[in-house]
Amino acid sequence: MATMTVAEAKNRFSDVLRRAEYGGERVIVERHGKPVAAIVSTEDLRRLEAADDAADLRDAQAALAEARHAGTVPLETVLRKYGLDRLLPESPVRVARPTRAARTRASVKRSRKTSPNRRQR
């Protein structure tokens, strides 16, 4: 695997892309001696993503199997156990809606305040 500095990669960018695209070469780009990025072909990237997806799927299946075997605990129970009650959603509070007449009166008051024909005092 080739390694080059950011400045080298910048100056030879077309060449680096060609090496990755046609040669399948992976190029590590370093800044101050530390690797910061890699340039790989899109085919190589697809393989890496497929491997990552497969690992995620295995982890998810293992977690589901463990939950079936050991059972599950409601989130509310866990949060209370560890003193995190504040993270629980509050029960919805019902607010009485104003009557139609009250809404109309409020609407009239607002329109009077903003009326352009109102005289300045």
N, C-alpha and C. Protein backbone atom coordinates (compact mmCIF):
# COMPACT_ATOMS: atom_id res chain seq x y z
N MET A 1 0.86 -1.17 0.00
CA MET A 1 0.00 0.00 0.00
C MET A 1 0.90 1.24 0.00
N ALA A 2 0.64 2.13 -0.92
CA ALA A 2 1.45 3.34 -1.05
C ALA A 2 1.05 4.36 0.01
N THR A 3 2.03 5.15 0.43
CA THR A 3 1.80 6.21 1.41
C THR A 3 2.40 7.49 0.86
N MET A 4 1.68 8.60 1.03
CA MET A 4 2.21 9.89 0.60
C MET A 4 1.65 10.99 1.47
N THR A 5 2.32 12.12 1.45
CA THR A 5 1.86 13.27 2.23
C THR A 5 0.70 13.95 1.51
N VAL A 6 0.02 14.82 2.24
CA VAL A 6 -1.09 15.58 1.66
C VAL A 6 -0.58 16.40 0.48
N ALA A 7 0.56 17.04 0.63
CA ALA A 7 1.11 17.87 -0.44
C ALA A 7 1.41 17.04 -1.69
N GLU A 8 2.02 15.85 -1.51
CA GLU A 8 2.30 14.97 -2.64
C GLU A 8 1.00 14.53 -3.33
N ALA A 9 0.01 14.15 -2.53
CA ALA A 9 -1.27 13.71 -3.09
C ALA A 9 -1.93 14.84 -3.86
N LYS A 10 -1.81 16.05 -3.33
CA LYS A 10 -2.41 17.21 -4.00
C LYS A 10 -1.71 17.47 -5.34
N ASN A 11 -0.40 17.43 -5.34
CA ASN A 11 0.35 17.71 -6.56
C ASN A 11 0.21 16.61 -7.62
N ARG A 12 -0.05 15.38 -7.18
CA ARG A 12 -0.13 14.26 -8.12
C ARG A 12 -1.52 13.61 -8.07
N PHE A 13 -2.55 14.41 -7.85
CA PHE A 13 -3.89 13.89 -7.63
C PHE A 13 -4.39 13.02 -8.77
N SER A 14 -4.23 13.47 -10.01
CA SER A 14 -4.69 12.68 -11.16
C SER A 14 -4.01 11.32 -11.20
N ASP A 15 -2.71 11.30 -10.94
CA ASP A 15 -1.95 10.05 -10.93
C ASP A 15 -2.44 9.13 -9.81
N VAL A 16 -2.70 9.70 -8.64
CA VAL A 16 -3.17 8.91 -7.49
C VAL A 16 -4.54 8.29 -7.82
N LEU A 17 -5.41 9.09 -8.43
CA LEU A 17 -6.72 8.56 -8.81
C LEU A 17 -6.60 7.43 -9.83
N ARG A 18 -5.74 7.60 -10.80
CA ARG A 18 -5.54 6.57 -11.81
C ARG A 18 -5.03 5.27 -11.17
N ARG A 19 -4.10 5.41 -10.24
CA ARG A 19 -3.54 4.22 -9.57
C ARG A 19 -4.64 3.48 -8.80
N ALA A 20 -5.52 4.23 -8.17
CA ALA A 20 -6.60 3.60 -7.41
C ALA A 20 -7.64 3.00 -8.35
N GLU A 21 -8.01 3.76 -9.37
CA GLU A 21 -9.08 3.32 -10.27
C GLU A 21 -8.68 2.13 -11.12
N TYR A 22 -7.56 2.20 -11.80
CA TYR A 22 -7.17 1.16 -12.75
C TYR A 22 -6.26 0.10 -12.15
N GLY A 23 -5.45 0.49 -11.20
CA GLY A 23 -4.52 -0.47 -10.60
C GLY A 23 -5.07 -1.11 -9.34
N GLY A 24 -6.20 -0.59 -8.84
CA GLY A 24 -6.77 -1.14 -7.61
C GLY A 24 -5.90 -0.88 -6.40
N GLU A 25 -4.99 0.08 -6.51
CA GLU A 25 -4.05 0.37 -5.42
C GLU A 25 -4.71 1.26 -4.37
N ARG A 26 -4.42 0.96 -3.14
CA ARG A 26 -4.89 1.79 -2.03
C ARG A 26 -3.76 2.75 -1.65
N VAL A 27 -4.10 4.02 -1.54
CA VAL A 27 -3.09 5.03 -1.23
C VAL A 27 -3.47 5.70 0.10
N ILE A 28 -2.56 5.64 1.04
CA ILE A 28 -2.76 6.27 2.35
C ILE A 28 -2.18 7.68 2.28
N VAL A 29 -2.96 8.67 2.71
CA VAL A 29 -2.51 10.07 2.71
C VAL A 29 -2.22 10.44 4.17
N GLU A 30 -1.03 10.99 4.39
CA GLU A 30 -0.60 11.35 5.75
C GLU A 30 -0.42 12.85 5.91
N ARG A 31 -0.70 13.32 7.11
CA ARG A 31 -0.42 14.71 7.48
C ARG A 31 0.40 14.66 8.76
N HIS A 32 1.56 15.29 8.72
CA HIS A 32 2.49 15.29 9.86
C HIS A 32 2.80 13.87 10.32
N GLY A 33 2.94 12.95 9.33
CA GLY A 33 3.32 11.58 9.63
C GLY A 33 2.20 10.69 10.13
N LYS A 34 0.98 11.22 10.21
CA LYS A 34 -0.16 10.42 10.68
C LYS A 34 -1.14 10.20 9.53
N PRO A 35 -1.63 8.97 9.35
CA PRO A 35 -2.59 8.70 8.28
C PRO A 35 -3.91 9.43 8.55
N VAL A 36 -4.42 10.15 7.55
CA VAL A 36 -5.66 10.91 7.71
C VAL A 36 -6.73 10.50 6.72
N ALA A 37 -6.35 9.84 5.62
CA ALA A 37 -7.33 9.45 4.61
C ALA A 37 -6.74 8.34 3.75
N ALA A 38 -7.63 7.69 3.00
CA ALA A 38 -7.20 6.67 2.06
C ALA A 38 -7.93 6.91 0.75
N ILE A 39 -7.25 6.72 -0.34
CA ILE A 39 -7.87 6.81 -1.65
C ILE A 39 -7.94 5.40 -2.19
N VAL A 40 -9.16 4.94 -2.45
CA VAL A 40 -9.39 3.59 -2.94
C VAL A 40 -10.34 3.65 -4.13
N SER A 41 -10.37 2.59 -4.91
CA SER A 41 -11.29 2.54 -6.05
C SER A 41 -12.72 2.39 -5.52
N THR A 42 -13.69 2.76 -6.35
CA THR A 42 -15.09 2.62 -5.93
C THR A 42 -15.45 1.14 -5.76
N GLU A 43 -14.83 0.28 -6.56
CA GLU A 43 -15.06 -1.16 -6.41
C GLU A 43 -14.58 -1.64 -5.04
N ASP A 44 -13.42 -1.18 -4.64
CA ASP A 44 -12.87 -1.52 -3.33
C ASP A 44 -13.77 -0.97 -2.22
N LEU A 45 -14.26 0.24 -2.38
CA LEU A 45 -15.14 0.84 -1.40
C LEU A 45 -16.42 0.03 -1.26
N ARG A 46 -16.98 -0.42 -2.37
CA ARG A 46 -18.21 -1.25 -2.32
C ARG A 46 -17.96 -2.54 -1.53
N ARG A 47 -16.81 -3.16 -1.76
CA ARG A 47 -16.48 -4.38 -1.01
C ARG A 47 -16.35 -4.09 0.48
N LEU A 48 -15.70 -2.98 0.83
CA LEU A 48 -15.55 -2.61 2.24
C LEU A 48 -16.91 -2.34 2.89
N GLU A 49 -17.79 -1.64 2.16
CA GLU A 49 -19.12 -1.35 2.70
C GLU A 49 -19.94 -2.62 2.85
N ALA A 50 -19.82 -3.55 1.90
CA ALA A 50 -20.55 -4.82 2.00
C ALA A 50 -20.08 -5.61 3.22
N ALA A 51 -18.78 -5.62 3.45
CA ALA A 51 -18.25 -6.31 4.63
C ALA A 51 -18.75 -5.66 5.91
N ASP A 52 -18.80 -4.34 5.93
CA ASP A 52 -19.29 -3.59 7.09
C ASP A 52 -20.77 -3.89 7.32
N ASP A 53 -21.55 -3.91 6.24
CA ASP A 53 -22.98 -4.21 6.35
C ASP A 53 -23.20 -5.63 6.87
N ALA A 54 -22.39 -6.58 6.40
CA ALA A 54 -22.51 -7.97 6.85
C ALA A 54 -22.21 -8.07 8.35
N ALA A 55 -21.19 -7.35 8.80
CA ALA A 55 -20.86 -7.36 10.23
C ALA A 55 -21.99 -6.74 11.05
N ASP A 56 -22.58 -5.65 10.56
CA ASP A 56 -23.71 -5.04 11.27
C ASP A 56 -24.89 -6.00 11.35
N LEU A 57 -25.15 -6.73 10.27
CA LEU A 57 -26.25 -7.67 10.25
C LEU A 57 -26.01 -8.80 11.25
N ARG A 58 -24.78 -9.31 11.30
CA ARG A 58 -24.46 -10.36 12.28
C ARG A 58 -24.67 -9.86 13.70
N ASP A 59 -24.23 -8.63 13.98
CA ASP A 59 -24.41 -8.05 15.32
C ASP A 59 -25.88 -7.89 15.67
N ALA A 60 -26.68 -7.43 14.72
CA ALA A 60 -28.11 -7.24 14.96
C ALA A 60 -28.79 -8.58 15.21
N GLN A 61 -28.44 -9.59 14.42
CA GLN A 61 -29.04 -10.91 14.61
C GLN A 61 -28.65 -11.49 15.97
N ALA A 62 -27.41 -11.29 16.38
CA ALA A 62 -26.97 -11.78 17.69
C ALA A 62 -27.72 -11.07 18.81
N ALA A 63 -27.93 -9.77 18.67
CA ALA A 63 -28.65 -9.01 19.69
C ALA A 63 -30.10 -9.47 19.78
N LEU A 64 -30.74 -9.72 18.64
CA LEU A 64 -32.13 -10.21 18.64
C LEU A 64 -32.21 -11.60 19.27
N ALA A 65 -31.25 -12.46 18.95
CA ALA A 65 -31.25 -13.81 19.54
C ALA A 65 -31.08 -13.72 21.06
N GLU A 66 -30.20 -12.85 21.51
CA GLU A 66 -29.99 -12.67 22.95
C GLU A 66 -31.26 -12.15 23.62
N ALA A 67 -31.94 -11.22 22.97
CA ALA A 67 -33.18 -10.68 23.53
C ALA A 67 -34.25 -11.76 23.62
N ARG A 68 -34.34 -12.63 22.59
CA ARG A 68 -35.33 -13.72 22.63
C ARG A 68 -35.00 -14.69 23.77
N HIS A 69 -33.71 -14.97 23.94
CA HIS A 69 -33.29 -15.94 24.94
C HIS A 69 -33.40 -15.38 26.37
N ALA A 70 -32.89 -14.19 26.57
CA ALA A 70 -32.83 -13.62 27.92
C ALA A 70 -34.04 -12.76 28.27
N GLY A 71 -34.82 -12.40 27.28
CA GLY A 71 -35.96 -11.52 27.54
C GLY A 71 -35.52 -10.07 27.45
N THR A 72 -36.49 -9.19 27.53
CA THR A 72 -36.19 -7.76 27.43
C THR A 72 -36.74 -7.04 28.65
N VAL A 73 -36.24 -5.84 28.86
CA VAL A 73 -36.67 -4.99 29.97
C VAL A 73 -37.14 -3.68 29.37
N PRO A 74 -38.31 -3.19 29.78
CA PRO A 74 -38.78 -1.92 29.23
C PRO A 74 -37.81 -0.78 29.52
N LEU A 75 -37.72 0.16 28.60
CA LEU A 75 -36.83 1.31 28.74
C LEU A 75 -37.14 2.07 30.03
N GLU A 76 -38.39 2.23 30.32
CA GLU A 76 -38.81 2.96 31.52
C GLU A 76 -38.19 2.36 32.78
N THR A 77 -38.16 1.02 32.87
CA THR A 77 -37.58 0.33 34.03
C THR A 77 -36.08 0.60 34.13
N VAL A 78 -35.39 0.53 33.02
CA VAL A 78 -33.94 0.76 33.02
C VAL A 78 -33.63 2.19 33.44
N LEU A 79 -34.35 3.16 32.89
CA LEU A 79 -34.09 4.57 33.23
C LEU A 79 -34.34 4.82 34.70
N ARG A 80 -35.41 4.25 35.24
CA ARG A 80 -35.68 4.44 36.68
C ARG A 80 -34.62 3.77 37.53
N LYS A 81 -34.16 2.59 37.12
CA LYS A 81 -33.15 1.85 37.88
C LYS A 81 -31.87 2.66 38.03
N TYR A 82 -31.49 3.38 37.00
CA TYR A 82 -30.24 4.14 37.02
C TYR A 82 -30.44 5.62 37.33
N GLY A 83 -31.61 5.98 37.83
CA GLY A 83 -31.87 7.36 38.24
C GLY A 83 -31.95 8.34 37.09
N LEU A 84 -32.41 7.88 35.96
CA LEU A 84 -32.52 8.74 34.79
C LEU A 84 -33.98 9.04 34.45
N ASP A 85 -34.79 9.18 35.49
CA ASP A 85 -36.22 9.44 35.31
C ASP A 85 -36.47 10.68 34.46
N ARG A 86 -35.55 11.63 34.52
CA ARG A 86 -35.74 12.89 33.79
C ARG A 86 -35.79 12.67 32.28
N LEU A 87 -35.28 11.54 31.82
CA LEU A 87 -35.28 11.24 30.39
C LEU A 87 -36.59 10.62 29.92
N LEU A 88 -37.45 10.25 30.88
CA LEU A 88 -38.73 9.67 30.50
C LEU A 88 -39.63 10.74 29.92
N PRO A 89 -40.35 10.40 28.87
CA PRO A 89 -41.30 11.40 28.33
C PRO A 89 -42.42 11.61 29.33
N GLU A 90 -42.81 12.86 29.49
CA GLU A 90 -43.89 13.17 30.41
C GLU A 90 -45.21 12.75 29.78
N SER A 91 -46.16 12.40 30.65
CA SER A 91 -47.46 12.03 30.11
C SER A 91 -48.10 13.28 29.51
N PRO A 92 -48.78 13.12 28.39
CA PRO A 92 -49.37 14.29 27.74
C PRO A 92 -50.40 14.95 28.64
N VAL A 93 -50.32 16.26 28.74
CA VAL A 93 -51.25 17.03 29.54
C VAL A 93 -52.31 17.58 28.61
N ARG A 94 -53.54 17.32 28.97
CA ARG A 94 -54.63 17.82 28.14
C ARG A 94 -54.92 19.27 28.51
N VAL A 95 -54.92 20.12 27.54
CA VAL A 95 -55.22 21.53 27.73
C VAL A 95 -56.60 21.78 27.15
N ALA A 96 -57.44 22.40 27.96
CA ALA A 96 -58.79 22.68 27.48
C ALA A 96 -58.71 23.73 26.39
N ARG A 97 -59.38 23.47 25.28
CA ARG A 97 -59.40 24.43 24.19
C ARG A 97 -60.39 25.53 24.52
N PRO A 98 -60.07 26.76 24.18
CA PRO A 98 -61.03 27.84 24.42
C PRO A 98 -62.27 27.65 23.57
N THR A 99 -63.36 28.16 24.07
CA THR A 99 -64.62 28.04 23.33
C THR A 99 -64.53 28.86 22.06
N ARG A 100 -65.45 28.62 21.16
CA ARG A 100 -65.46 29.35 19.90
C ARG A 100 -65.62 30.85 20.14
N ALA A 101 -66.46 31.22 21.07
CA ALA A 101 -66.68 32.64 21.36
C ALA A 101 -65.40 33.28 21.90
N ALA A 102 -64.68 32.58 22.76
CA ALA A 102 -63.43 33.12 23.32
C ALA A 102 -62.39 33.29 22.22
N ARG A 103 -62.31 32.33 21.30
CA ARG A 103 -61.36 32.45 20.19
C ARG A 103 -61.71 33.64 19.32
N THR A 104 -63.00 33.86 19.08
CA THR A 104 -63.43 34.98 18.24
C THR A 104 -63.08 36.30 18.91
N ARG A 105 -63.32 36.42 20.24
CA ARG A 105 -62.99 37.66 20.96
C ARG A 105 -61.49 37.93 20.88
N ALA A 106 -60.67 36.90 21.06
CA ALA A 106 -59.22 37.07 20.99
C ALA A 106 -58.81 37.52 19.60
N SER A 107 -59.43 36.97 18.59
CA SER A 107 -59.13 37.33 17.21
C SER A 107 -59.47 38.80 16.95
N VAL A 108 -60.60 39.24 17.47
CA VAL A 108 -61.02 40.63 17.28
C VAL A 108 -60.05 41.57 17.97
N LYS A 109 -59.61 41.23 19.17
CA LYS A 109 -58.66 42.08 19.91
C LYS A 109 -57.36 42.21 19.12
N ARG A 110 -56.87 41.10 18.56
CA ARG A 110 -55.62 41.17 17.79
C ARG A 110 -55.78 42.05 16.57
N SER A 111 -56.90 41.93 15.90
CA SER A 111 -57.08 42.71 14.69
C SER A 111 -57.20 44.20 15.01
N ARG A 112 -57.76 44.54 16.16
CA ARG A 112 -57.85 45.96 16.55
C ARG A 112 -56.47 46.54 16.82
N LYS A 113 -55.60 45.72 17.44
CA LYS A 113 -54.25 46.20 17.76
C LYS A 113 -53.44 46.44 16.50
N THR A 114 -53.67 45.66 15.49
CA THR A 114 -52.83 45.76 14.29
C THR A 114 -53.50 46.51 13.16
N SER A 115 -54.66 47.06 13.40
CA SER A 115 -55.38 47.75 12.33
C SER A 115 -54.62 49.00 11.88
N PRO A 116 -54.38 49.17 10.57
CA PRO A 116 -53.62 50.32 10.08
C PRO A 116 -54.43 51.62 10.18
N ASN A 117 -55.76 51.54 10.27
CA ASN A 117 -56.60 52.74 10.33
C ASN A 117 -56.73 53.30 11.74
N ARG A 118 -56.18 52.64 12.71
CA ARG A 118 -56.30 53.07 14.09
C ARG A 118 -55.49 54.34 14.30
N ARG A 119 -56.07 55.30 14.96
CA ARG A 119 -55.38 56.58 15.20
C ARG A 119 -54.31 56.44 16.27
N GLN A 120 -53.23 57.14 16.09
CA GLN A 120 -52.17 57.19 17.07
C GLN A 120 -52.58 58.15 18.19
N ARG A 121 -52.35 57.82 19.43
CA ARG A 121 -52.72 58.71 20.54
C ARG A 121 -51.51 59.32 21.15
